[in-house]
Amino acid sequence: MKPSIVIIVLVIFAWPLYYLYQRQLGAISFLLLALFFFYIAMQERKKTKKQKKNDGT
């Protein structure tokens, strides 16, 4: 995922996550951020596996 897209998504979701944090629901916003970064990490992992597979053949 391109870094510019990640930044745009984080900026868009900054206000709702901050709202949750203000309402003493910071754990929910942390969970959502963790899931977002986990999703990005899995996409990058797939890309590197695919590159390794193509380099090996």
N, C-alpha and C. Protein backbone atom coordinates (compact mmCIF):
# COMPACT_ATOMS: atom_id res chain seq x y z
N MET A 1 0.85 -1.17 0.00
CA MET A 1 0.00 0.00 0.00
C MET A 1 0.90 1.23 0.00
N LYS A 2 0.56 2.19 -0.83
CA LYS A 2 1.38 3.39 -0.94
C LYS A 2 1.31 4.21 0.34
N PRO A 3 2.44 4.80 0.72
CA PRO A 3 2.45 5.61 1.95
C PRO A 3 1.47 6.79 1.91
N SER A 4 1.27 7.36 0.74
CA SER A 4 0.34 8.49 0.65
C SER A 4 -1.09 8.06 0.95
N ILE A 5 -1.46 6.86 0.54
CA ILE A 5 -2.81 6.35 0.82
C ILE A 5 -2.97 6.09 2.32
N VAL A 6 -1.93 5.55 2.94
CA VAL A 6 -1.98 5.29 4.38
C VAL A 6 -2.16 6.59 5.15
N ILE A 7 -1.43 7.62 4.76
CA ILE A 7 -1.53 8.92 5.44
C ILE A 7 -2.92 9.51 5.25
N ILE A 8 -3.46 9.42 4.04
CA ILE A 8 -4.80 9.95 3.79
C ILE A 8 -5.84 9.22 4.64
N VAL A 9 -5.75 7.91 4.73
CA VAL A 9 -6.70 7.14 5.55
C VAL A 9 -6.58 7.53 7.02
N LEU A 10 -5.35 7.68 7.50
CA LEU A 10 -5.17 8.06 8.90
C LEU A 10 -5.70 9.46 9.19
N VAL A 11 -5.54 10.37 8.25
CA VAL A 11 -6.06 11.73 8.43
C VAL A 11 -7.59 11.71 8.44
N ILE A 12 -8.18 10.93 7.57
CA ILE A 12 -9.65 10.85 7.50
C ILE A 12 -10.22 10.27 8.80
N PHE A 13 -9.56 9.27 9.35
CA PHE A 13 -10.07 8.62 10.55
C PHE A 13 -9.55 9.22 11.85
N ALA A 14 -8.78 10.29 11.77
CA ALA A 14 -8.23 10.89 12.99
C ALA A 14 -9.32 11.46 13.88
N TRP A 15 -10.29 12.15 13.30
CA TRP A 15 -11.33 12.77 14.12
C TRP A 15 -12.20 11.73 14.83
N PRO A 16 -12.71 10.71 14.13
CA PRO A 16 -13.51 9.71 14.86
C PRO A 16 -12.72 8.97 15.94
N LEU A 17 -11.45 8.68 15.67
CA LEU A 17 -10.64 8.00 16.67
C LEU A 17 -10.39 8.89 17.88
N TYR A 18 -10.17 10.18 17.63
CA TYR A 18 -9.98 11.12 18.73
C TYR A 18 -11.27 11.27 19.54
N TYR A 19 -12.41 11.25 18.86
CA TYR A 19 -13.69 11.32 19.56
C TYR A 19 -13.86 10.13 20.51
N LEU A 20 -13.52 8.94 20.04
CA LEU A 20 -13.58 7.76 20.90
C LEU A 20 -12.63 7.90 22.08
N TYR A 21 -11.45 8.45 21.83
CA TYR A 21 -10.48 8.63 22.89
C TYR A 21 -11.00 9.60 23.94
N GLN A 22 -11.67 10.67 23.51
CA GLN A 22 -12.24 11.65 24.45
C GLN A 22 -13.33 11.03 25.31
N ARG A 23 -14.07 10.11 24.77
CA ARG A 23 -15.18 9.47 25.50
C ARG A 23 -14.72 8.28 26.34
N GLN A 24 -13.44 8.23 26.64
CA GLN A 24 -12.86 7.16 27.46
C GLN A 24 -12.96 5.80 26.77
N LEU A 25 -12.98 5.79 25.45
CA LEU A 25 -13.02 4.54 24.69
C LEU A 25 -11.75 4.40 23.85
N GLY A 26 -10.63 4.77 24.44
CA GLY A 26 -9.36 4.73 23.73
C GLY A 26 -8.95 3.34 23.30
N ALA A 27 -9.41 2.33 24.01
CA ALA A 27 -9.06 0.95 23.66
C ALA A 27 -9.65 0.57 22.30
N ILE A 28 -10.83 1.09 22.01
CA ILE A 28 -11.46 0.80 20.71
C ILE A 28 -10.66 1.44 19.58
N SER A 29 -10.26 2.70 19.78
CA SER A 29 -9.49 3.37 18.73
C SER A 29 -8.14 2.69 18.55
N PHE A 30 -7.52 2.24 19.65
CA PHE A 30 -6.27 1.52 19.54
C PHE A 30 -6.45 0.21 18.79
N LEU A 31 -7.53 -0.50 19.06
CA LEU A 31 -7.81 -1.75 18.36
C LEU A 31 -8.00 -1.51 16.87
N LEU A 32 -8.73 -0.47 16.50
CA LEU A 32 -8.95 -0.17 15.09
C LEU A 32 -7.64 0.18 14.38
N LEU A 33 -6.79 0.96 15.04
CA LEU A 33 -5.49 1.28 14.46
C LEU A 33 -4.63 0.04 14.32
N ALA A 34 -4.66 -0.82 15.33
CA ALA A 34 -3.88 -2.05 15.28
C ALA A 34 -4.33 -2.94 14.12
N LEU A 35 -5.65 -3.06 13.93
CA LEU A 35 -6.16 -3.86 12.82
C LEU A 35 -5.77 -3.26 11.47
N PHE A 36 -5.79 -1.94 11.36
CA PHE A 36 -5.41 -1.28 10.12
C PHE A 36 -3.94 -1.56 9.79
N PHE A 37 -3.07 -1.42 10.78
CA PHE A 37 -1.64 -1.66 10.54
C PHE A 37 -1.35 -3.14 10.32
N PHE A 38 -2.12 -4.02 10.94
CA PHE A 38 -1.98 -5.45 10.70
C PHE A 38 -2.34 -5.78 9.25
N TYR A 39 -3.40 -5.17 8.76
CA TYR A 39 -3.82 -5.37 7.37
C TYR A 39 -2.72 -4.91 6.41
N ILE A 40 -2.13 -3.76 6.68
CA ILE A 40 -1.05 -3.25 5.84
C ILE A 40 0.14 -4.20 5.88
N ALA A 41 0.48 -4.70 7.06
CA ALA A 41 1.61 -5.61 7.20
C ALA A 41 1.38 -6.91 6.42
N MET A 42 0.15 -7.43 6.45
CA MET A 42 -0.13 -8.65 5.71
C MET A 42 -0.04 -8.43 4.20
N GLN A 43 -0.47 -7.26 3.73
CA GLN A 43 -0.34 -6.97 2.31
C GLN A 43 1.13 -6.90 1.90
N GLU A 44 1.96 -6.27 2.71
CA GLU A 44 3.38 -6.18 2.41
C GLU A 44 4.03 -7.56 2.46
N ARG A 45 3.60 -8.40 3.38
CA ARG A 45 4.14 -9.76 3.48
C ARG A 45 3.82 -10.56 2.23
N LYS A 46 2.59 -10.41 1.73
CA LYS A 46 2.21 -11.11 0.51
C LYS A 46 3.07 -10.66 -0.67
N LYS A 47 3.35 -9.36 -0.73
CA LYS A 47 4.18 -8.85 -1.82
C LYS A 47 5.59 -9.43 -1.76
N THR A 48 6.17 -9.48 -0.56
CA THR A 48 7.53 -10.00 -0.46
C THR A 48 7.57 -11.50 -0.76
N LYS A 49 6.56 -12.25 -0.34
CA LYS A 49 6.51 -13.68 -0.66
C LYS A 49 6.41 -13.89 -2.17
N LYS A 50 5.60 -13.06 -2.81
CA LYS A 50 5.43 -13.17 -4.25
C LYS A 50 6.73 -12.85 -4.98
N GLN A 51 7.46 -11.84 -4.49
CA GLN A 51 8.74 -11.47 -5.10
C GLN A 51 9.77 -12.57 -4.90
N LYS A 52 9.81 -13.17 -3.71
CA LYS A 52 10.75 -14.26 -3.45
C LYS A 52 10.45 -15.46 -4.35
N LYS A 53 9.15 -15.73 -4.54
CA LYS A 53 8.77 -16.86 -5.38
C LYS A 53 9.19 -16.62 -6.83
N ASN A 54 9.01 -15.40 -7.31
CA ASN A 54 9.40 -15.07 -8.68
C ASN A 54 10.90 -15.03 -8.85
N ASP A 55 11.65 -14.64 -7.84
CA ASP A 55 13.11 -14.59 -7.94
C ASP A 55 13.71 -16.00 -7.89
N GLY A 56 13.03 -16.91 -7.23
CA GLY A 56 13.55 -18.27 -7.09
C GLY A 56 13.39 -19.11 -8.34
N THR A 57 12.48 -18.72 -9.24
CA THR A 57 12.26 -19.55 -10.43
C THR A 57 12.97 -19.04 -11.64
